[in-house]
Amino acid sequence: MGKRDQQRDRTLARIVDAAVDSLIEVGVTATTTLEVQRRAGVSRGALLHHFPTHEDLFGAAIGLLVTRNERAVREELAVARPDGDPVSRSLCVLRTVMCGPSFGA
């Protein structure tokens, strides 16, 4: 992977991370493309290059939220007590994960 590709990937990740952070902190209504651009520290052109539409940006942000939530469930399940009823264990894991900020977004 070339230097330019790495820079592109970092910019893309910075934009998506900024969108997710905004969704978590201020909600959907206040998460505008201008807010994401400001948080990511990128130009309008860079934002539109990577995400030509609002839907493209939010699709990527939701994808990252799903990935984070899946990871949180796996991590919580790994440290949950293995004994007892598996349904109760699963509900306990989900309750813990659902209290996290990315799940609420």
PDB file of N, CA and C in Angstrom:
ATOM      1  N   MET A   1       0.843  -1.171   0.000  1.00  0.00           N
ATOM      2  CA  MET A   1       0.000   0.000   0.000  1.00  0.00           C
ATOM      3  C   MET A   1       0.889   1.236   0.000  1.00  0.00           C
ATOM      4  N   GLY A   2       0.610   2.129  -0.924  1.00  0.00           N
ATOM      5  CA  GLY A   2       1.420   3.329  -1.044  1.00  0.00           C
ATOM      6  C   GLY A   2       1.068   4.393  -0.015  1.00  0.00           C
ATOM      7  N   LYS A   3       1.927   5.388   0.049  1.00  0.00           N
ATOM      8  CA  LYS A   3       1.750   6.475   1.009  1.00  0.00           C
ATOM      9  C   LYS A   3       0.420   7.209   0.787  1.00  0.00           C
ATOM     10  N   ARG A   4       0.074   7.411  -0.468  1.00  0.00           N
ATOM     11  CA  ARG A   4      -1.170   8.107  -0.795  1.00  0.00           C
ATOM     12  C   ARG A   4      -2.388   7.283  -0.343  1.00  0.00           C
ATOM     13  N   ASP A   5      -2.317   5.974  -0.531  1.00  0.00           N
ATOM     14  CA  ASP A   5      -3.406   5.098  -0.085  1.00  0.00           C
ATOM     15  C   ASP A   5      -3.557   5.137   1.429  1.00  0.00           C
ATOM     16  N   GLN A   6      -2.430   5.150   2.131  1.00  0.00           N
ATOM     17  CA  GLN A   6      -2.470   5.222   3.595  1.00  0.00           C
ATOM     18  C   GLN A   6      -3.085   6.531   4.059  1.00  0.00           C
ATOM     19  N   GLN A   7      -2.717   7.619   3.404  1.00  0.00           N
ATOM     20  CA  GLN A   7      -3.269   8.921   3.762  1.00  0.00           C
ATOM     21  C   GLN A   7      -4.784   8.941   3.509  1.00  0.00           C
ATOM     22  N   ARG A   8      -5.208   8.385   2.377  1.00  0.00           N
ATOM     23  CA  ARG A   8      -6.631   8.308   2.053  1.00  0.00           C
ATOM     24  C   ARG A   8      -7.385   7.518   3.118  1.00  0.00           C
ATOM     25  N   ASP A   9      -6.831   6.381   3.511  1.00  0.00           N
ATOM     26  CA  ASP A   9      -7.475   5.536   4.513  1.00  0.00           C
ATOM     27  C   ASP A   9      -7.557   6.230   5.869  1.00  0.00           C
ATOM     28  N   ARG A  10      -6.503   6.961   6.238  1.00  0.00           N
ATOM     29  CA  ARG A  10      -6.520   7.696   7.515  1.00  0.00           C
ATOM     30  C   ARG A  10      -7.582   8.795   7.499  1.00  0.00           C
ATOM     31  N   THR A  11      -7.682   9.500   6.380  1.00  0.00           N
ATOM     32  CA  THR A  11      -8.681  10.565   6.265  1.00  0.00           C
ATOM     33  C   THR A  11     -10.085   9.976   6.336  1.00  0.00           C
ATOM     34  N   LEU A  12     -10.302   8.904   5.625  1.00  0.00           N
ATOM     35  CA  LEU A  12     -11.595   8.235   5.629  1.00  0.00           C
ATOM     36  C   LEU A  12     -11.966   7.805   7.050  1.00  0.00           C
ATOM     37  N   ALA A  13     -11.023   7.179   7.740  1.00  0.00           N
ATOM     38  CA  ALA A  13     -11.271   6.727   9.114  1.00  0.00           C
ATOM     39  C   ALA A  13     -11.545   7.910  10.041  1.00  0.00           C
ATOM     40  N   ARG A  14     -10.809   8.993   9.864  1.00  0.00           N
ATOM     41  CA  ARG A  14     -11.007  10.177  10.703  1.00  0.00           C
ATOM     42  C   ARG A  14     -12.419  10.745  10.512  1.00  0.00           C
ATOM     43  N   ILE A  15     -12.893  10.757   9.279  1.00  0.00           N
ATOM     44  CA  ILE A  15     -14.236  11.266   9.000  1.00  0.00           C
ATOM     45  C   ILE A  15     -15.303  10.363   9.627  1.00  0.00           C
ATOM     46  N   VAL A  16     -15.165   9.059   9.442  1.00  0.00           N
ATOM     47  CA  VAL A  16     -16.157   8.129   9.989  1.00  0.00           C
ATOM     48  C   VAL A  16     -16.134   8.157  11.514  1.00  0.00           C
ATOM     49  N   ASP A  17     -14.954   8.206  12.111  1.00  0.00           N
ATOM     50  CA  ASP A  17     -14.852   8.305  13.568  1.00  0.00           C
ATOM     51  C   ASP A  17     -15.520   9.582  14.073  1.00  0.00           C
ATOM     52  N   ALA A  18     -15.328  10.680  13.360  1.00  0.00           N
ATOM     53  CA  ALA A  18     -15.946  11.947  13.750  1.00  0.00           C
ATOM     54  C   ALA A  18     -17.463  11.853  13.660  1.00  0.00           C
ATOM     55  N   ALA A  19     -17.969  11.186  12.639  1.00  0.00           N
ATOM     56  CA  ALA A  19     -19.416  11.019  12.507  1.00  0.00           C
ATOM     57  C   ALA A  19     -19.967  10.175  13.648  1.00  0.00           C
ATOM     58  N   VAL A  20     -19.290   9.098  13.987  1.00  0.00           N
ATOM     59  CA  VAL A  20     -19.734   8.240  15.087  1.00  0.00           C
ATOM     60  C   VAL A  20     -19.681   9.007  16.414  1.00  0.00           C
ATOM     61  N   ASP A  21     -18.581   9.702  16.657  1.00  0.00           N
ATOM     62  CA  ASP A  21     -18.468  10.481  17.890  1.00  0.00           C
ATOM     63  C   ASP A  21     -19.584  11.513  17.995  1.00  0.00           C
ATOM     64  N   SER A  22     -19.895  12.164  16.891  1.00  0.00           N
ATOM     65  CA  SER A  22     -20.967  13.152  16.887  1.00  0.00           C
ATOM     66  C   SER A  22     -22.315  12.496  17.165  1.00  0.00           C
ATOM     67  N   LEU A  23     -22.568  11.366  16.537  1.00  0.00           N
ATOM     68  CA  LEU A  23     -23.825  10.659  16.802  1.00  0.00           C
ATOM     69  C   LEU A  23     -23.962  10.305  18.279  1.00  0.00           C
ATOM     70  N   ILE A  24     -22.876   9.842  18.868  1.00  0.00           N
ATOM     71  CA  ILE A  24     -22.893   9.458  20.281  1.00  0.00           C
ATOM     72  C   ILE A  24     -23.094  10.680  21.179  1.00  0.00           C
ATOM     73  N   GLU A  25     -22.380  11.756  20.877  1.00  0.00           N
ATOM     74  CA  GLU A  25     -22.373  12.926  21.764  1.00  0.00           C
ATOM     75  C   GLU A  25     -23.561  13.860  21.588  1.00  0.00           C
ATOM     76  N   VAL A  26     -23.994  14.089  20.350  1.00  0.00           N
ATOM     77  CA  VAL A  26     -25.043  15.099  20.147  1.00  0.00           C
ATOM     78  C   VAL A  26     -26.286  14.564  19.447  1.00  0.00           C
ATOM     79  N   GLY A  27     -26.257  13.311  19.000  1.00  0.00           N
ATOM     80  CA  GLY A  27     -27.439  12.714  18.392  1.00  0.00           C
ATOM     81  C   GLY A  27     -27.526  12.936  16.890  1.00  0.00           C
ATOM     82  N   VAL A  28     -28.544  12.329  16.310  1.00  0.00           N
ATOM     83  CA  VAL A  28     -28.711  12.337  14.861  1.00  0.00           C
ATOM     84  C   VAL A  28     -28.999  13.737  14.330  1.00  0.00           C
ATOM     85  N   THR A  29     -29.895  14.453  14.982  1.00  0.00           N
ATOM     86  CA  THR A  29     -30.314  15.761  14.483  1.00  0.00           C
ATOM     87  C   THR A  29     -29.155  16.742  14.382  1.00  0.00           C
ATOM     88  N   ALA A  30     -28.287  16.744  15.362  1.00  0.00           N
ATOM     89  CA  ALA A  30     -27.168  17.695  15.382  1.00  0.00           C
ATOM     90  C   ALA A  30     -25.942  17.191  14.613  1.00  0.00           C
ATOM     91  N   THR A  31     -25.985  15.957  14.161  1.00  0.00           N
ATOM     92  CA  THR A  31     -24.858  15.411  13.397  1.00  0.00           C
ATOM     93  C   THR A  31     -25.043  15.750  11.928  1.00  0.00           C
ATOM     94  N   THR A  32     -24.633  16.929  11.585  1.00  0.00           N
ATOM     95  CA  THR A  32     -24.691  17.388  10.199  1.00  0.00           C
ATOM     96  C   THR A  32     -23.362  17.108   9.513  1.00  0.00           C
ATOM     97  N   THR A  33     -23.346  17.210   8.208  1.00  0.00           N
ATOM     98  CA  THR A  33     -22.083  17.031   7.509  1.00  0.00           C
ATOM     99  C   THR A  33     -21.094  18.120   7.903  1.00  0.00           C
ATOM    100  N   LEU A  34     -21.587  19.325   8.156  1.00  0.00           N
ATOM    101  CA  LEU A  34     -20.683  20.401   8.604  1.00  0.00           C
ATOM    102  C   LEU A  34     -20.091  20.095   9.981  1.00  0.00           C
ATOM    103  N   GLU A  35     -20.890  19.512  10.861  1.00  0.00           N
ATOM    104  CA  GLU A  35     -20.387  19.135  12.184  1.00  0.00           C
ATOM    105  C   GLU A  35     -19.333  18.039  12.064  1.00  0.00           C
ATOM    106  N   VAL A  36     -19.572  17.075  11.223  1.00  0.00           N
ATOM    107  CA  VAL A  36     -18.601  15.990  11.019  1.00  0.00           C
ATOM    108  C   VAL A  36     -17.322  16.547  10.408  1.00  0.00           C
ATOM    109  N   GLN A  37     -17.457  17.410   9.440  1.00  0.00           N
ATOM    110  CA  GLN A  37     -16.292  18.037   8.808  1.00  0.00           C
ATOM    111  C   GLN A  37     -15.459  18.785   9.845  1.00  0.00           C
ATOM    112  N   ARG A  38     -16.125  19.542  10.713  1.00  0.00           N
ATOM    113  CA  ARG A  38     -15.431  20.302  11.756  1.00  0.00           C
ATOM    114  C   ARG A  38     -14.704  19.359  12.710  1.00  0.00           C
ATOM    115  N   ARG A  39     -15.384  18.333  13.167  1.00  0.00           N
ATOM    116  CA  ARG A  39     -14.791  17.382  14.117  1.00  0.00           C
ATOM    117  C   ARG A  39     -13.619  16.627  13.509  1.00  0.00           C
ATOM    118  N   ALA A  40     -13.732  16.279  12.235  1.00  0.00           N
ATOM    119  CA  ALA A  40     -12.673  15.512  11.570  1.00  0.00           C
ATOM    120  C   ALA A  40     -11.499  16.392  11.173  1.00  0.00           C
ATOM    121  N   GLY A  41     -11.724  17.701  11.104  1.00  0.00           N
ATOM    122  CA  GLY A  41     -10.651  18.607  10.704  1.00  0.00           C
ATOM    123  C   GLY A  41     -10.274  18.458   9.247  1.00  0.00           C
ATOM    124  N   VAL A  42     -11.288  18.246   8.396  1.00  0.00           N
ATOM    125  CA  VAL A  42     -11.040  18.085   6.963  1.00  0.00           C
ATOM    126  C   VAL A  42     -11.772  19.175   6.191  1.00  0.00           C
ATOM    127  N   SER A  43     -11.359  19.361   4.960  1.00  0.00           N
ATOM    128  CA  SER A  43     -12.015  20.341   4.101  1.00  0.00           C
ATOM    129  C   SER A  43     -13.347  19.780   3.606  1.00  0.00           C
ATOM    130  N   ARG A  44     -14.184  20.663   3.133  1.00  0.00           N
ATOM    131  CA  ARG A  44     -15.466  20.241   2.554  1.00  0.00           C
ATOM    132  C   ARG A  44     -15.212  19.317   1.360  1.00  0.00           C
ATOM    133  N   GLY A  45     -14.201  19.646   0.562  1.00  0.00           N
ATOM    134  CA  GLY A  45     -13.863  18.825  -0.590  1.00  0.00           C
ATOM    135  C   GLY A  45     -13.450  17.419  -0.201  1.00  0.00           C
ATOM    136  N   ALA A  46     -12.658  17.295   0.868  1.00  0.00           N
ATOM    137  CA  ALA A  46     -12.231  15.966   1.330  1.00  0.00           C
ATOM    138  C   ALA A  46     -13.431  15.151   1.802  1.00  0.00           C
ATOM    139  N   LEU A  47     -14.328  15.791   2.543  1.00  0.00           N
ATOM    140  CA  LEU A  47     -15.528  15.098   3.023  1.00  0.00           C
ATOM    141  C   LEU A  47     -16.362  14.605   1.835  1.00  0.00           C
ATOM    142  N   LEU A  48     -16.585  15.497   0.870  1.00  0.00           N
ATOM    143  CA  LEU A  48     -17.414  15.128  -0.281  1.00  0.00           C
ATOM    144  C   LEU A  48     -16.719  14.131  -1.205  1.00  0.00           C
ATOM    145  N   HIS A  49     -15.407  14.147  -1.231  1.00  0.00           N
ATOM    146  CA  HIS A  49     -14.669  13.160  -2.024  1.00  0.00           C
ATOM    147  C   HIS A  49     -14.923  11.752  -1.490  1.00  0.00           C
ATOM    148  N   HIS A  50     -14.856  11.607  -0.178  1.00  0.00           N
ATOM    149  CA  HIS A  50     -15.036  10.292   0.442  1.00  0.00           C
ATOM    150  C   HIS A  50     -16.503   9.914   0.591  1.00  0.00           C
ATOM    151  N   PHE A  51     -17.344  10.909   0.856  1.00  0.00           N
ATOM    152  CA  PHE A  51     -18.764  10.660   1.092  1.00  0.00           C
ATOM    153  C   PHE A  51     -19.594  11.691   0.335  1.00  0.00           C
ATOM    154  N   PRO A  52     -19.909  11.397  -0.922  1.00  0.00           N
ATOM    155  CA  PRO A  52     -20.624  12.367  -1.756  1.00  0.00           C
ATOM    156  C   PRO A  52     -22.013  12.727  -1.230  1.00  0.00           C
ATOM    157  N   THR A  53     -22.633  11.818  -0.475  1.00  0.00           N
ATOM    158  CA  THR A  53     -23.967  12.102   0.044  1.00  0.00           C
ATOM    159  C   THR A  53     -24.015  11.890   1.554  1.00  0.00           C
ATOM    160  N   HIS A  54     -24.993  12.510   2.145  1.00  0.00           N
ATOM    161  CA  HIS A  54     -25.251  12.348   3.578  1.00  0.00           C
ATOM    162  C   HIS A  54     -25.492  10.872   3.897  1.00  0.00           C
ATOM    163  N   GLU A  55     -26.203  10.197   3.024  1.00  0.00           N
ATOM    164  CA  GLU A  55     -26.505   8.778   3.223  1.00  0.00           C
ATOM    165  C   GLU A  55     -25.242   7.922   3.209  1.00  0.00           C
ATOM    166  N   ASP A  56     -24.295   8.260   2.335  1.00  0.00           N
ATOM    167  CA  ASP A  56     -23.022   7.523   2.297  1.00  0.00           C
ATOM    168  C   ASP A  56     -22.281   7.654   3.623  1.00  0.00           C
ATOM    169  N   LEU A  57     -22.253   8.867   4.149  1.00  0.00           N
ATOM    170  CA  LEU A  57     -21.568   9.133   5.418  1.00  0.00           C
ATOM    171  C   LEU A  57     -22.242   8.387   6.561  1.00  0.00           C
ATOM    172  N   PHE A  58     -23.563   8.487   6.644  1.00  0.00           N
ATOM    173  CA  PHE A  58     -24.262   7.837   7.744  1.00  0.00           C
ATOM    174  C   PHE A  58     -24.239   6.319   7.608  1.00  0.00           C
ATOM    175  N   GLY A  59     -24.237   5.816   6.394  1.00  0.00           N
ATOM    176  CA  GLY A  59     -24.099   4.374   6.200  1.00  0.00           C
ATOM    177  C   GLY A  59     -22.774   3.865   6.751  1.00  0.00           C
ATOM    178  N   ALA A  60     -21.698   4.601   6.484  1.00  0.00           N
ATOM    179  CA  ALA A  60     -20.379   4.212   7.010  1.00  0.00           C
ATOM    180  C   ALA A  60     -20.345   4.327   8.532  1.00  0.00           C
ATOM    181  N   ALA A  61     -20.964   5.381   9.073  1.00  0.00           N
ATOM    182  CA  ALA A  61     -20.984   5.570  10.528  1.00  0.00           C
ATOM    183  C   ALA A  61     -21.773   4.451  11.207  1.00  0.00           C
ATOM    184  N   ILE A  62     -22.899   4.100  10.639  1.00  0.00           N
ATOM    185  CA  ILE A  62     -23.704   3.017  11.216  1.00  0.00           C
ATOM    186  C   ILE A  62     -22.949   1.698  11.132  1.00  0.00           C
ATOM    187  N   GLY A  63     -22.256   1.482  10.033  1.00  0.00           N
ATOM    188  CA  GLY A  63     -21.436   0.273   9.911  1.00  0.00           C
ATOM    189  C   GLY A  63     -20.387   0.187  11.005  1.00  0.00           C
ATOM    190  N   LEU A  64     -19.741   1.322  11.305  1.00  0.00           N
ATOM    191  CA  LEU A  64     -18.740   1.337  12.369  1.00  0.00           C
ATOM    192  C   LEU A  64     -19.390   1.128  13.736  1.00  0.00           C
ATOM    193  N   LEU A  65     -20.552   1.718  13.959  1.00  0.00           N
ATOM    194  CA  LEU A  65     -21.262   1.500  15.225  1.00  0.00           C
ATOM    195  C   LEU A  65     -21.622   0.034  15.418  1.00  0.00           C
ATOM    196  N   VAL A  66     -22.080  -0.608  14.370  1.00  0.00           N
ATOM    197  CA  VAL A  66     -22.414  -2.036  14.450  1.00  0.00           C
ATOM    198  C   VAL A  66     -21.168  -2.843  14.792  1.00  0.00           C
ATOM    199  N   THR A  67     -20.061  -2.531  14.136  1.00  0.00           N
ATOM    200  CA  THR A  67     -18.801  -3.232  14.419  1.00  0.00           C
ATOM    201  C   THR A  67     -18.381  -3.034  15.872  1.00  0.00           C
ATOM    202  N   ARG A  68     -18.462  -1.797  16.355  1.00  0.00           N
ATOM    203  CA  ARG A  68     -18.101  -1.528  17.754  1.00  0.00           C
ATOM    204  C   ARG A  68     -19.015  -2.279  18.716  1.00  0.00           C
ATOM    205  N   ASN A  69     -20.302  -2.297  18.429  1.00  0.00           N
ATOM    206  CA  ASN A  69     -21.243  -2.977  19.316  1.00  0.00           C
ATOM    207  C   ASN A  69     -21.035  -4.486  19.311  1.00  0.00           C
ATOM    208  N   GLU A  70     -20.759  -5.048  18.146  1.00  0.00           N
ATOM    209  CA  GLU A  70     -20.475  -6.481  18.079  1.00  0.00           C
ATOM    210  C   GLU A  70     -19.217  -6.817  18.883  1.00  0.00           C
ATOM    211  N   ARG A  71     -18.199  -5.976  18.742  1.00  0.00           N
ATOM    212  CA  ARG A  71     -16.960  -6.188  19.491  1.00  0.00           C
ATOM    213  C   ARG A  71     -17.221  -6.099  20.993  1.00  0.00           C
ATOM    214  N   ALA A  72     -18.030  -5.138  21.405  1.00  0.00           N
ATOM    215  CA  ALA A  72     -18.335  -4.973  22.826  1.00  0.00           C
ATOM    216  C   ALA A  72     -19.065  -6.202  23.376  1.00  0.00           C
ATOM    217  N   VAL A  73     -19.973  -6.766  22.600  1.00  0.00           N
ATOM    218  CA  VAL A  73     -20.681  -7.975  23.035  1.00  0.00           C
ATOM    219  C   VAL A  73     -19.700  -9.127  23.189  1.00  0.00           C
ATOM    220  N   ARG A  74     -18.809  -9.301  22.195  1.00  0.00           N
ATOM    221  CA  ARG A  74     -17.822 -10.391  22.285  1.00  0.00           C
ATOM    222  C   ARG A  74     -16.902 -10.222  23.493  1.00  0.00           C
ATOM    223  N   GLU A  75     -16.453  -8.998  23.723  1.00  0.00           N
ATOM    224  CA  GLU A  75     -15.551  -8.742  24.851  1.00  0.00           C
ATOM    225  C   GLU A  75     -16.249  -8.990  26.184  1.00  0.00           C
ATOM    226  N   GLU A  76     -17.486  -8.542  26.299  1.00  0.00           N
ATOM    227  CA  GLU A  76     -18.237  -8.746  27.539  1.00  0.00           C
ATOM    228  C   GLU A  76     -18.538 -10.225  27.750  1.00  0.00           C
ATOM    229  N   LEU A  77     -18.851 -10.921  26.685  1.00  0.00           N
ATOM    230  CA  LEU A  77     -19.121 -12.353  26.779  1.00  0.00           C
ATOM    231  C   LEU A  77     -17.875 -13.115  27.218  1.00  0.00           C
ATOM    232  N   ALA A  78     -16.713 -12.667  26.777  1.00  0.00           N
ATOM    233  CA  ALA A  78     -15.458 -13.331  27.133  1.00  0.00           C
ATOM    234  C   ALA A  78     -15.155 -13.232  28.624  1.00  0.00           C
ATOM    235  N   VAL A  79     -15.618 -12.185  29.284  1.00  0.00           N
ATOM    236  CA  VAL A  79     -15.333 -12.018  30.712  1.00  0.00           C
ATOM    237  C   VAL A  79     -16.523 -12.386  31.596  1.00  0.00           C
ATOM    238  N   ALA A  80     -17.657 -12.712  30.978  1.00  0.00           N
ATOM    239  CA  ALA A  80     -18.844 -13.093  31.758  1.00  0.00           C
ATOM    240  C   ALA A  80     -18.631 -14.460  32.397  1.00  0.00           C
ATOM    241  N   ARG A  81     -19.255 -14.651  33.535  1.00  0.00           N
ATOM    242  CA  ARG A  81     -19.150 -15.943  34.215  1.00  0.00           C
ATOM    243  C   ARG A  81     -19.781 -17.034  33.361  1.00  0.00           C
ATOM    244  N   PRO A  82     -19.040 -18.121  33.123  1.00  0.00           N
ATOM    245  CA  PRO A  82     -19.538 -19.167  32.232  1.00  0.00           C
ATOM    246  C   PRO A  82     -20.564 -20.098  32.871  1.00  0.00           C
ATOM    247  N   ASP A  83     -20.706 -20.032  34.178  1.00  0.00           N
ATOM    248  CA  ASP A  83     -21.639 -20.944  34.831  1.00  0.00           C
ATOM    249  C   ASP A  83     -23.053 -20.367  34.832  1.00  0.00           C
ATOM    250  N   GLY A  84     -24.008 -21.191  35.161  1.00  0.00           N
ATOM    251  CA  GLY A  84     -25.390 -20.744  35.232  1.00  0.00           C
ATOM    252  C   GLY A  84     -26.127 -20.894  33.915  1.00  0.00           C
ATOM    253  N   ASP A  85     -27.290 -20.345  33.894  1.00  0.00           N
ATOM    254  CA  ASP A  85     -28.178 -20.424  32.748  1.00  0.00           C
ATOM    255  C   ASP A  85     -27.638 -19.592  31.588  1.00  0.00           C
ATOM    256  N   PRO A  86     -27.481 -20.184  30.399  1.00  0.00           N
ATOM    257  CA  PRO A  86     -26.928 -19.439  29.269  1.00  0.00           C
ATOM    258  C   PRO A  86     -27.816 -18.271  28.825  1.00  0.00           C
ATOM    259  N   VAL A  87     -29.121 -18.396  28.986  1.00  0.00           N
ATOM    260  CA  VAL A  87     -30.014 -17.295  28.610  1.00  0.00           C
ATOM    261  C   VAL A  87     -29.809 -16.115  29.559  1.00  0.00           C
ATOM    262  N   SER A  88     -29.728 -16.395  30.851  1.00  0.00           N
ATOM    263  CA  SER A  88     -29.486 -15.337  31.831  1.00  0.00           C
ATOM    264  C   SER A  88     -28.137 -14.677  31.593  1.00  0.00           C
ATOM    265  N   ARG A  89     -27.145 -15.483  31.280  1.00  0.00           N
ATOM    266  CA  ARG A  89     -25.806 -14.963  30.987  1.00  0.00           C
ATOM    267  C   ARG A  89     -25.858 -14.028  29.783  1.00  0.00           C
ATOM    268  N   SER A  90     -26.539 -14.450  28.738  1.00  0.00           N
ATOM    269  CA  SER A  90     -26.652 -13.637  27.523  1.00  0.00           C
ATOM    270  C   SER A  90     -27.388 -12.332  27.800  1.00  0.00           C
ATOM    271  N   LEU A  91     -28.453 -12.391  28.561  1.00  0.00           N
ATOM    272  CA  LEU A  91     -29.203 -11.179  28.896  1.00  0.00           C
ATOM    273  C   LEU A  91     -28.367 -10.219  29.726  1.00  0.00           C
ATOM    274  N   CYS A  92     -27.588 -10.758  30.626  1.00  0.00           N
ATOM    275  CA  CYS A  92     -26.696  -9.927  31.435  1.00  0.00           C
ATOM    276  C   CYS A  92     -25.660  -9.233  30.555  1.00  0.00           C
ATOM    277  N   VAL A  93     -25.093  -9.967  29.625  1.00  0.00           N
ATOM    278  CA  VAL A  93     -24.104  -9.402  28.700  1.00  0.00           C
ATOM    279  C   VAL A  93     -24.740  -8.293  27.870  1.00  0.00           C
ATOM    280  N   LEU A  94     -25.914  -8.569  27.310  1.00  0.00           N
ATOM    281  CA  LEU A  94     -26.586  -7.557  26.483  1.00  0.00           C
ATOM    282  C   LEU A  94     -26.962  -6.321  27.299  1.00  0.00           C
ATOM    283  N   ARG A  95     -27.426  -6.512  28.521  1.00  0.00           N
ATOM    284  CA  ARG A  95     -27.776  -5.367  29.372  1.00  0.00           C
ATOM    285  C   ARG A  95     -26.547  -4.492  29.623  1.00  0.00           C
ATOM    286  N   THR A  96     -25.422  -5.114  29.888  1.00  0.00           N
ATOM    287  CA  THR A  96     -24.194  -4.359  30.138  1.00  0.00           C
ATOM    288  C   THR A  96     -23.766  -3.581  28.896  1.00  0.00           C
ATOM    289  N   VAL A  97     -23.794  -4.245  27.751  1.00  0.00           N
ATOM    290  CA  VAL A  97     -23.365  -3.607  26.508  1.00  0.00           C
ATOM    291  C   VAL A  97     -24.324  -2.489  26.102  1.00  0.00           C
ATOM    292  N   MET A  98     -25.617  -2.695  26.334  1.00  0.00           N
ATOM    293  CA  MET A  98     -26.603  -1.687  25.941  1.00  0.00           C
ATOM    294  C   MET A  98     -26.475  -0.394  26.747  1.00  0.00           C
ATOM    295  N   CYS A  99     -25.777  -0.435  27.836  1.00  0.00           N
ATOM    296  CA  CYS A  99     -25.557   0.778  28.631  1.00  0.00           C
ATOM    297  C   CYS A  99     -24.394   1.615  28.079  1.00  0.00           C
ATOM    298  N   GLY A 100     -23.657   1.078  27.135  1.00  0.00           N
ATOM    299  CA  GLY A 100     -22.519   1.791  26.556  1.00  0.00           C
ATOM    300  C   GLY A 100     -22.971   2.881  25.599  1.00  0.00           C
ATOM    301  N   PRO A 101     -22.125   3.876  25.411  1.00  0.00           N
ATOM    302  CA  PRO A 101     -22.499   5.024  24.578  1.00  0.00           C
ATOM    303  C   PRO A 101     -22.715   4.694  23.100  1.00  0.00           C
ATOM    304  N   SER A 102     -21.937   3.792  22.539  1.00  0.00           N
ATOM    305  CA  SER A 102     -22.105   3.522  21.107  1.00  0.00           C
ATOM    306  C   SER A 102     -23.376   2.735  20.839  1.00  0.00           C
ATOM    307  N   PHE A 103     -23.847   1.980  21.807  1.00  0.00           N
ATOM    308  CA  PHE A 103     -25.087   1.236  21.611  1.00  0.00           C
ATOM    309  C   PHE A 103     -26.269   2.196  21.564  1.00  0.00           C
ATOM    310  N   GLY A 104     -26.216   3.225  22.381  1.00  0.00           N
ATOM    311  CA  GLY A 104     -27.283   4.215  22.402  1.00  0.00           C
ATOM    312  C   GLY A 104     -27.388   5.008  21.121  1.00  0.00           C
ATOM    313  N   ALA A 105     -26.274   5.156  20.447  1.00  0.00           N
ATOM    314  CA  ALA A 105     -26.292   5.936  19.197  1.00  0.00           C
ATOM    315  C   ALA A 105     -27.014   5.156  18.135  1.00  0.00           C
TER     316      ALA A 105
END
